[in-house]
C-alpha atoms as a PDB file:
ATOM      1  CA  UNK A   1      72.956  47.951 -22.131  1.00  0.00           C
ATOM      2  CA  UNK A   2      73.989  50.843 -24.334  1.00  0.00           C
ATOM      3  CA  UNK A   3      71.719  53.346 -25.773  1.00  0.00           C
ATOM      4  CA  UNK A   4      73.209  55.681 -28.521  1.00  0.00           C
ATOM      5  CA  UNK A   5      71.637  58.442 -30.507  1.00  0.00           C
ATOM      6  CA  UNK A   6      73.051  59.174 -33.986  1.00  0.00           C
ATOM      7  CA  UNK A   7      72.534  62.344 -35.978  1.00  0.00           C
ATOM      8  CA  UNK A   8      73.500  62.060 -39.708  1.00  0.00           C
ATOM      9  CA  UNK A   9      74.655  65.159 -41.338  1.00  0.00           C
ATOM     10  CA  UNK A  10      72.806  67.726 -39.025  1.00  0.00           C
ATOM     11  CA  UNK A  11      72.761  71.189 -40.466  1.00  0.00           C
ATOM     12  CA  UNK A  12      71.578  73.489 -37.552  1.00  0.00           C
ATOM     13  CA  UNK A  13      73.749  73.932 -34.503  1.00  0.00           C
ATOM     14  CA  UNK A  14      70.729  74.932 -32.499  1.00  0.00           C
ATOM     15  CA  UNK A  15      68.946  71.600 -33.284  1.00  0.00           C
ATOM     16  CA  UNK A  16      71.987  69.687 -31.992  1.00  0.00           C
ATOM     17  CA  UNK A  17      71.944  71.583 -28.618  1.00  0.00           C
ATOM     18  CA  UNK A  18      68.224  71.038 -28.443  1.00  0.00           C
ATOM     19  CA  UNK A  19      68.845  67.247 -28.976  1.00  0.00           C
ATOM     20  CA  UNK A  20      71.464  67.141 -26.210  1.00  0.00           C
ATOM     21  CA  UNK A  21      68.717  68.763 -23.961  1.00  0.00           C
ATOM     22  CA  UNK A  22      66.104  66.331 -25.169  1.00  0.00           C
ATOM     23  CA  UNK A  23      68.565  63.340 -24.343  1.00  0.00           C
ATOM     24  CA  UNK A  24      69.636  64.485 -20.827  1.00  0.00           C
ATOM     25  CA  UNK A  25      66.083  64.982 -19.540  1.00  0.00           C
ATOM     26  CA  UNK A  26      65.341  61.340 -20.499  1.00  0.00           C
ATOM     27  CA  UNK A  27      68.542  60.087 -18.774  1.00  0.00           C
ATOM     28  CA  UNK A  28      70.494  59.434 -21.879  1.00  0.00           C
ATOM     29  CA  UNK A  29      73.903  60.904 -22.857  1.00  0.00           C
ATOM     30  CA  UNK A  30      75.597  58.938 -25.722  1.00  0.00           C
ATOM     31  CA  UNK A  31      75.325  61.310 -28.765  1.00  0.00           C
ATOM     32  CA  UNK A  32      77.277  60.883 -32.047  1.00  0.00           C
ATOM     33  CA  UNK A  33      77.130  63.208 -35.037  1.00  0.00           C
ATOM     34  CA  UNK A  34      77.982  61.826 -38.495  1.00  0.00           C
ATOM     35  CA  UNK A  35      79.540  64.516 -40.890  1.00  0.00           C
ATOM     36  CA  UNK A  36      77.761  67.622 -39.364  1.00  0.00           C
ATOM     37  CA  UNK A  37      77.444  70.799 -41.457  1.00  0.00           C
ATOM     38  CA  UNK A  38      79.696  72.577 -38.923  1.00  0.00           C
ATOM     39  CA  UNK A  39      82.932  70.890 -37.675  1.00  0.00           C
ATOM     40  CA  UNK A  40      82.812  72.876 -34.529  1.00  0.00           C
ATOM     41  CA  UNK A  41      78.941  72.472 -34.051  1.00  0.00           C
ATOM     42  CA  UNK A  42      79.371  71.141 -30.408  1.00  0.00           C
ATOM     43  CA  UNK A  43      81.023  74.474 -29.476  1.00  0.00           C
ATOM     44  CA  UNK A  44      78.904  76.824 -31.470  1.00  0.00           C
ATOM     45  CA  UNK A  45      76.942  79.506 -29.429  1.00  0.00           C
ATOM     46  CA  UNK A  46      73.574  78.322 -30.908  1.00  0.00           C
ATOM     47  CA  UNK A  47      74.241  74.778 -29.767  1.00  0.00           C
ATOM     48  CA  UNK A  48      75.202  75.780 -26.128  1.00  0.00           C
ATOM     49  CA  UNK A  49      72.308  78.120 -25.837  1.00  0.00           C
ATOM     50  CA  UNK A  50      69.718  75.430 -26.959  1.00  0.00           C
ATOM     51  CA  UNK A  51      71.369  72.818 -24.837  1.00  0.00           C
ATOM     52  CA  UNK A  52      70.187  74.723 -21.720  1.00  0.00           C
ATOM     53  CA  UNK A  53      71.884  72.874 -19.023  1.00  0.00           C
ATOM     54  CA  UNK A  54      72.933  69.892 -21.048  1.00  0.00           C
ATOM     55  CA  UNK A  55      76.378  71.195 -22.017  1.00  0.00           C
ATOM     56  CA  UNK A  56      78.047  67.987 -20.588  1.00  0.00           C
ATOM     57  CA  UNK A  57      76.157  65.833 -23.215  1.00  0.00           C
ATOM     58  CA  UNK A  58      77.686  68.227 -25.877  1.00  0.00           C
ATOM     59  CA  UNK A  59      81.060  67.979 -24.328  1.00  0.00           C
ATOM     60  CA  UNK A  60      80.815  64.103 -24.389  1.00  0.00           C
ATOM     61  CA  UNK A  61      79.428  63.903 -27.845  1.00  0.00           C
ATOM     62  CA  UNK A  62      81.584  62.444 -30.637  1.00  0.00           C
ATOM     63  CA  UNK A  63      81.888  63.529 -34.407  1.00  0.00           C
ATOM     64  CA  UNK A  64      82.708  60.737 -36.814  1.00  0.00           C
ATOM     65  CA  UNK A  65      83.016  60.506 -40.535  1.00  0.00           C
ATOM     66  CA  UNK A  66      80.755  57.407 -41.348  1.00  0.00           C
ATOM     67  CA  UNK A  67      77.727  55.781 -39.978  1.00  0.00           C
ATOM     68  CA  UNK A  68      79.805  52.584 -39.612  1.00  0.00           C
ATOM     69  CA  UNK A  69      82.017  54.358 -36.956  1.00  0.00           C
ATOM     70  CA  UNK A  70      78.845  55.680 -35.239  1.00  0.00           C
ATOM     71  CA  UNK A  71      77.440  52.129 -34.826  1.00  0.00           C
ATOM     72  CA  UNK A  72      80.670  50.432 -33.356  1.00  0.00           C
ATOM     73  CA  UNK A  73      79.309  48.397 -30.308  1.00  0.00           C
ATOM     74  CA  UNK A  74      75.645  48.526 -31.557  1.00  0.00           C
ATOM     75  CA  UNK A  75      73.789  45.397 -32.500  1.00  0.00           C
ATOM     76  CA  UNK A  76      70.177  46.769 -33.077  1.00  0.00           C
ATOM     77  CA  UNK A  77      69.815  49.738 -35.274  1.00  0.00           C
ATOM     78  CA  UNK A  78      66.500  51.706 -35.283  1.00  0.00           C
ATOM     79  CA  UNK A  79      66.091  54.141 -38.250  1.00  0.00           C
ATOM     80  CA  UNK A  80      63.678  57.016 -37.991  1.00  0.00           C
ATOM     81  CA  UNK A  81      61.810  57.973 -41.209  1.00  0.00           C
ATOM     82  CA  UNK A  82      58.211  58.960 -42.245  1.00  0.00           C
ATOM     83  CA  UNK A  83      58.316  57.253 -45.691  1.00  0.00           C
ATOM     84  CA  UNK A  84      58.768  53.481 -45.889  1.00  0.00           C
ATOM     85  CA  UNK A  85      61.433  52.173 -48.357  1.00  0.00           C
ATOM     86  CA  UNK A  86      61.016  49.348 -50.872  1.00  0.00           C
ATOM     87  CA  UNK A  87      62.984  46.360 -49.685  1.00  0.00           C
ATOM     88  CA  UNK A  88      63.672  48.259 -46.337  1.00  0.00           C
ATOM     89  CA  UNK A  89      63.213  47.052 -42.854  1.00  0.00           C
ATOM     90  CA  UNK A  90      59.729  46.697 -41.369  1.00  0.00           C
ATOM     91  CA  UNK A  91      57.892  49.929 -40.330  1.00  0.00           C
ATOM     92  CA  UNK A  92      56.617  50.196 -36.653  1.00  0.00           C
ATOM     93  CA  UNK A  93      55.161  52.801 -34.322  1.00  0.00           C
ATOM     94  CA  UNK A  94      57.809  53.395 -31.604  1.00  0.00           C
ATOM     95  CA  UNK A  95      55.661  52.529 -28.528  1.00  0.00           C
ATOM     96  CA  UNK A  96      54.779  48.944 -29.707  1.00  0.00           C
ATOM     97  CA  UNK A  97      58.114  48.104 -31.039  1.00  0.00           C
ATOM     98  CA  UNK A  98      60.179  49.394 -28.230  1.00  0.00           C
ATOM     99  CA  UNK A  99      58.011  47.752 -25.644  1.00  0.00           C
ATOM    100  CA  UNK A 100      58.867  44.386 -27.219  1.00  0.00           C
ATOM    101  CA  UNK A 101      62.578  45.339 -27.625  1.00  0.00           C
ATOM    102  CA  UNK A 102      63.221  46.691 -24.170  1.00  0.00           C
ATOM    103  CA  UNK A 103      63.084  43.214 -22.268  1.00  0.00           C
ATOM    104  CA  UNK A 104      65.436  41.609 -24.599  1.00  0.00           C
ATOM    105  CA  UNK A 105      67.837  44.558 -24.438  1.00  0.00           C
ATOM    106  CA  UNK A 106      67.826  44.846 -20.637  1.00  0.00           C
ATOM    107  CA  UNK A 107      68.383  41.028 -20.343  1.00  0.00           C
ATOM    108  CA  UNK A 108      71.659  41.382 -22.191  1.00  0.00           C
ATOM    109  CA  UNK A 109      70.198  40.197 -25.525  1.00  0.00           C
ATOM    110  CA  UNK A 110      71.728  43.180 -27.428  1.00  0.00           C
ATOM    111  CA  UNK A 111      75.202  44.849 -27.259  1.00  0.00           C
ATOM    112  CA  UNK A 112      73.613  48.184 -27.665  1.00  0.00           C
ATOM    113  CA  UNK A 113      70.601  50.007 -29.323  1.00  0.00           C
ATOM    114  CA  UNK A 114      70.893  53.013 -31.704  1.00  0.00           C
ATOM    115  CA  UNK A 115      68.312  55.470 -32.789  1.00  0.00           C
ATOM    116  CA  UNK A 116      69.536  57.124 -35.975  1.00  0.00           C
ATOM    117  CA  UNK A 117      68.054  60.302 -37.403  1.00  0.00           C
ATOM    118  CA  UNK A 118      68.616  61.878 -40.825  1.00  0.00           C
ATOM    119  CA  UNK A 119      69.305  65.516 -41.876  1.00  0.00           C
ATOM    120  CA  UNK A 120      66.752  68.039 -41.218  1.00  0.00           C
ATOM    121  CA  UNK A 121      65.840  68.898 -44.787  1.00  0.00           C
ATOM    122  CA  UNK A 122      65.520  65.263 -46.399  1.00  0.00           C
ATOM    123  CA  UNK A 123      65.959  62.605 -43.828  1.00  0.00           C
ATOM    124  CA  UNK A 124      67.879  59.438 -43.943  1.00  0.00           C
ATOM    125  CA  UNK A 125      69.329  58.153 -47.088  1.00  0.00           C
ATOM    126  CA  UNK A 126      67.990  54.788 -48.323  1.00  0.00           C
ATOM    127  CA  UNK A 127      71.252  53.009 -47.732  1.00  0.00           C
ATOM    128  CA  UNK A 128      71.145  54.079 -44.125  1.00  0.00           C
ATOM    129  CA  UNK A 129      67.576  53.009 -43.584  1.00  0.00           C
ATOM    130  CA  UNK A 130      68.340  49.431 -45.362  1.00  0.00           C
ATOM    131  CA  UNK A 131      71.030  48.781 -42.802  1.00  0.00           C
ATOM    132  CA  UNK A 132      68.591  49.174 -39.910  1.00  0.00           C
ATOM    133  CA  UNK A 133      66.554  46.511 -38.097  1.00  0.00           C
ATOM    134  CA  UNK A 134      63.506  48.764 -38.129  1.00  0.00           C
ATOM    135  CA  UNK A 135      62.127  51.828 -39.416  1.00  0.00           C
ATOM    136  CA  UNK A 136      60.417  53.764 -36.585  1.00  0.00           C
ATOM    137  CA  UNK A 137      57.602  55.996 -37.754  1.00  0.00           C
ATOM    138  CA  UNK A 138      56.133  58.397 -35.095  1.00  0.00           C
ATOM    139  CA  UNK A 139      52.237  58.692 -35.557  1.00  0.00           C
ATOM    140  CA  UNK A 140      51.492  62.161 -36.846  1.00  0.00           C
ATOM    141  CA  UNK A 141      48.558  64.059 -38.277  1.00  0.00           C
ATOM    142  CA  UNK A 142      48.071  62.740 -41.916  1.00  0.00           C
ATOM    143  CA  UNK A 143      47.951  66.203 -43.425  1.00  0.00           C
ATOM    144  CA  UNK A 144      51.146  67.584 -41.696  1.00  0.00           C
ATOM    145  CA  UNK A 145      53.809  65.076 -40.784  1.00  0.00           C
ATOM    146  CA  UNK A 146      56.770  67.481 -40.460  1.00  0.00           C
ATOM    147  CA  UNK A 147      58.734  67.089 -37.054  1.00  0.00           C
ATOM    148  CA  UNK A 148      61.634  69.176 -36.023  1.00  0.00           C
ATOM    149  CA  UNK A 149      64.777  67.133 -35.464  1.00  0.00           C
ATOM    150  CA  UNK A 150      65.075  67.822 -31.820  1.00  0.00           C
ATOM    151  CA  UNK A 151      61.268  67.120 -31.220  1.00  0.00           C
ATOM    152  CA  UNK A 152      61.542  63.677 -33.077  1.00  0.00           C
ATOM    153  CA  UNK A 153      64.402  62.824 -30.827  1.00  0.00           C
ATOM    154  CA  UNK A 154      62.489  63.869 -27.765  1.00  0.00           C
ATOM    155  CA  UNK A 155      59.642  61.679 -28.681  1.00  0.00           C
ATOM    156  CA  UNK A 156      61.964  58.607 -29.376  1.00  0.00           C
ATOM    157  CA  UNK A 157      63.865  59.147 -26.212  1.00  0.00           C
ATOM    158  CA  UNK A 158      60.784  59.326 -24.093  1.00  0.00           C
ATOM    159  CA  UNK A 159      59.235  56.209 -25.675  1.00  0.00           C
ATOM    160  CA  UNK A 160      62.542  54.249 -25.170  1.00  0.00           C
ATOM    161  CA  UNK A 161      62.762  55.437 -21.468  1.00  0.00           C
ATOM    162  CA  UNK A 162      59.107  54.365 -21.002  1.00  0.00           C
ATOM    163  CA  UNK A 163      59.866  51.072 -22.581  1.00  0.00           C
ATOM    164  CA  UNK A 164      62.837  50.658 -20.247  1.00  0.00           C
ATOM    165  CA  UNK A 165      60.455  51.137 -17.210  1.00  0.00           C
ATOM    166  CA  UNK A 166      60.925  54.961 -16.716  1.00  0.00           C
ATOM    167  CA  UNK A 167      63.084  56.050 -13.810  1.00  0.00           C
ATOM    168  CA  UNK A 168      61.483  54.214 -10.792  1.00  0.00           C
ATOM    169  CA  UNK A 169      61.835  50.585 -11.671  1.00  0.00           C
ATOM    170  CA  UNK A 170      65.082  48.701 -11.140  1.00  0.00           C
ATOM    171  CA  UNK A 171      66.421  46.317 -13.807  1.00  0.00           C
ATOM    172  CA  UNK A 172      64.555  42.970 -13.838  1.00  0.00           C
ATOM    173  CA  UNK A 173      66.101  39.862 -12.481  1.00  0.00           C
ATOM    174  CA  UNK A 174      66.697  37.324 -15.270  1.00  0.00           C
ATOM    175  CA  UNK A 175      67.012  33.767 -13.994  1.00  0.00           C
ATOM    176  CA  UNK A 176      67.174  30.381 -15.804  1.00  0.00           C
ATOM    177  CA  UNK A 177      67.954  29.407 -19.313  1.00  0.00           C
ATOM    178  CA  UNK A 178      71.218  29.596 -21.254  1.00  0.00           C
ATOM    179  CA  UNK A 179      72.890  32.939 -21.634  1.00  0.00           C
ATOM    180  CA  UNK A 180      73.447  33.643 -25.378  1.00  0.00           C
ATOM    181  CA  UNK A 181      76.179  35.739 -26.588  1.00  0.00           C
ATOM    182  CA  UNK A 182      74.927  39.212 -27.843  1.00  0.00           C
ATOM    183  CA  UNK A 183      74.510  39.934 -31.528  1.00  0.00           C
ATOM    184  CA  UNK A 184      77.397  41.189 -33.460  1.00  0.00           C
ATOM    185  CA  UNK A 185      77.544  45.004 -33.858  1.00  0.00           C
ATOM    186  CA  UNK A 186      76.361  46.782 -37.027  1.00  0.00           C
ATOM    187  CA  UNK A 187      79.876  47.273 -38.607  1.00  0.00           C
ATOM    188  CA  UNK A 188      80.541  43.480 -38.248  1.00  0.00           C
ATOM    189  CA  UNK A 189      77.394  42.775 -40.009  1.00  0.00           C
ATOM    190  CA  UNK A 190      78.311  45.124 -42.860  1.00  0.00           C
ATOM    191  CA  UNK A 191      81.666  43.447 -43.167  1.00  0.00           C
ATOM    192  CA  UNK A 192      79.944  40.063 -43.326  1.00  0.00           C
ATOM    193  CA  UNK A 193      77.771  41.187 -46.199  1.00  0.00           C
ATOM    194  CA  UNK A 194      80.657  42.654 -48.074  1.00  0.00           C
ATOM    195  CA  UNK A 195      82.532  39.402 -47.855  1.00  0.00           C
ATOM    196  CA  UNK A 196      79.422  37.588 -49.050  1.00  0.00           C
ATOM    197  CA  UNK A 197      79.109  40.018 -51.987  1.00  0.00           C
ATOM    198  CA  UNK A 198      82.643  39.118 -52.951  1.00  0.00           C
ATOM    199  CA  UNK A 199      81.811  35.312 -52.556  1.00  0.00           C
ATOM    200  CA  UNK A 200      78.631  35.695 -54.807  1.00  0.00           C
ATOM    201  CA  UNK A 201      80.565  37.551 -57.383  1.00  0.00           C
ATOM    202  CA  UNK A 202      83.274  34.973 -57.461  1.00  0.00           C
ATOM    203  CA  UNK A 203      80.890  32.006 -58.079  1.00  0.00           C
ATOM    204  CA  UNK A 204      78.767  34.131 -60.661  1.00  0.00           C
ATOM    205  CA  UNK A 205      75.582  34.146 -58.651  1.00  0.00           C
ATOM    206  CA  UNK A 206      75.531  37.962 -58.247  1.00  0.00           C
ATOM    207  CA  UNK A 207      75.626  39.793 -61.529  1.00  0.00           C
ATOM    208  CA  UNK A 208      77.317  43.282 -61.003  1.00  0.00           C
ATOM    209  CA  UNK A 209      75.509  44.663 -64.062  1.00  0.00           C
ATOM    210  CA  UNK A 210      72.189  43.798 -62.674  1.00  0.00           C
ATOM    211  CA  UNK A 211      72.436  43.279 -58.804  1.00  0.00           C
ATOM    212  CA  UNK A 212      68.826  44.071 -58.312  1.00  0.00           C
ATOM    213  CA  UNK A 213      67.931  43.947 -54.615  1.00  0.00           C
ATOM    214  CA  UNK A 214      69.859  40.757 -53.669  1.00  0.00           C
ATOM    215  CA  UNK A 215      72.259  42.401 -51.055  1.00  0.00           C
ATOM    216  CA  UNK A 216      69.360  44.451 -49.600  1.00  0.00           C
ATOM    217  CA  UNK A 217      67.389  41.168 -49.096  1.00  0.00           C
ATOM    218  CA  UNK A 218      70.354  39.335 -47.572  1.00  0.00           C
ATOM    219  CA  UNK A 219      70.854  42.350 -45.237  1.00  0.00           C
ATOM    220  CA  UNK A 220      67.303  41.782 -44.008  1.00  0.00           C
ATOM    221  CA  UNK A 221      67.809  38.064 -43.602  1.00  0.00           C
ATOM    222  CA  UNK A 222      70.990  38.545 -41.648  1.00  0.00           C
ATOM    223  CA  UNK A 223      69.528  41.248 -39.335  1.00  0.00           C
ATOM    224  CA  UNK A 224      66.495  39.005 -38.640  1.00  0.00           C
ATOM    225  CA  UNK A 225      68.949  36.187 -37.748  1.00  0.00           C
ATOM    226  CA  UNK A 226      70.818  38.607 -35.292  1.00  0.00           C
ATOM    227  CA  UNK A 227      74.156  36.504 -35.641  1.00  0.00           C
ATOM    228  CA  UNK A 228      76.580  36.854 -32.701  1.00  0.00           C
ATOM    229  CA  UNK A 229      80.286  37.712 -33.356  1.00  0.00           C
ATOM    230  CA  UNK A 230      81.344  34.083 -33.310  1.00  0.00           C
ATOM    231  CA  UNK A 231      78.640  33.351 -35.938  1.00  0.00           C
ATOM    232  CA  UNK A 232      79.657  36.235 -38.196  1.00  0.00           C
ATOM    233  CA  UNK A 233      83.310  34.842 -37.991  1.00  0.00           C
ATOM    234  CA  UNK A 234      82.036  31.303 -39.061  1.00  0.00           C
ATOM    235  CA  UNK A 235      79.963  32.733 -41.912  1.00  0.00           C
ATOM    236  CA  UNK A 236      82.886  34.934 -43.116  1.00  0.00           C
ATOM    237  CA  UNK A 237      85.103  31.685 -43.157  1.00  0.00           C
ATOM    238  CA  UNK A 238      82.523  30.183 -45.376  1.00  0.00           C
ATOM    239  CA  UNK A 239      82.805  33.074 -47.703  1.00  0.00           C
ATOM    240  CA  UNK A 240      86.557  32.880 -47.714  1.00  0.00           C
ATOM    241  CA  UNK A 241      86.289  29.199 -48.590  1.00  0.00           C
ATOM    242  CA  UNK A 242      83.936  29.786 -51.424  1.00  0.00           C
ATOM    243  CA  UNK A 243      86.215  32.614 -52.807  1.00  0.00           C
ATOM    244  CA  UNK A 244      89.259  30.353 -52.735  1.00  0.00           C
ATOM    245  CA  UNK A 245      87.404  27.506 -54.480  1.00  0.00           C
ATOM    246  CA  UNK A 246      86.328  29.811 -57.139  1.00  0.00           C
ATOM    247  CA  UNK A 247      89.763  31.040 -57.766  1.00  0.00           C
ATOM    248  CA  UNK A 248      91.125  27.472 -57.885  1.00  0.00           C
ATOM    249  CA  UNK A 249      88.538  26.483 -60.432  1.00  0.00           C
ATOM    250  CA  UNK A 250      89.210  29.511 -62.516  1.00  0.00           C
ATOM    251  CA  UNK A 251      93.002  29.084 -62.369  1.00  0.00           C
END
């Protein structure tokens, strides 16, 4: 089961190095940066110094242009944010949520799990939070809730490692019952929703002048359903048929 940590628009090279160290000490190494401030951030002296023995994590990290690229192969997306969003995913404390997620992930019920962190100054954009399955909120003192990026990554990495059984327990043996295809990854779900948006526009159900929160609600619905790649293919086929029928009617 794949575990990935994603930093969106990190602005401090030192923080990136400290994140690499936080991941390595918890046994993780898949790090992806989306549009970092410095194109050479993985080689900057501040990053290498703060990595402190985790230079291999920096060397293996990837830089991509979009969050979609960062989430290829990922079927369960965990945003990290201190403030809940209207119409966003449910908000949960990491320990309780990850304890419930880990057995399913270890048994092959997910392609991969990603933890997404926003820029140091202002956190994740609403659109990035909306595309996630959950918004993890680290419990902090009510009068001071500011966490350094690397510190937040360390907390989440520790909680995920704890949920997975630490370093002593081997993977559980899963027997009996049908083996279900893992859910489609996040880019596939985004593609499905864009196809649905086109279909809903074609039949006049979605008003582009007043879309309200329809697509955000549909995203929540689809993410709760966790469709497989085959199911996404079927649902996109339905959308294509709806668009074709609308065009025949209008022609």
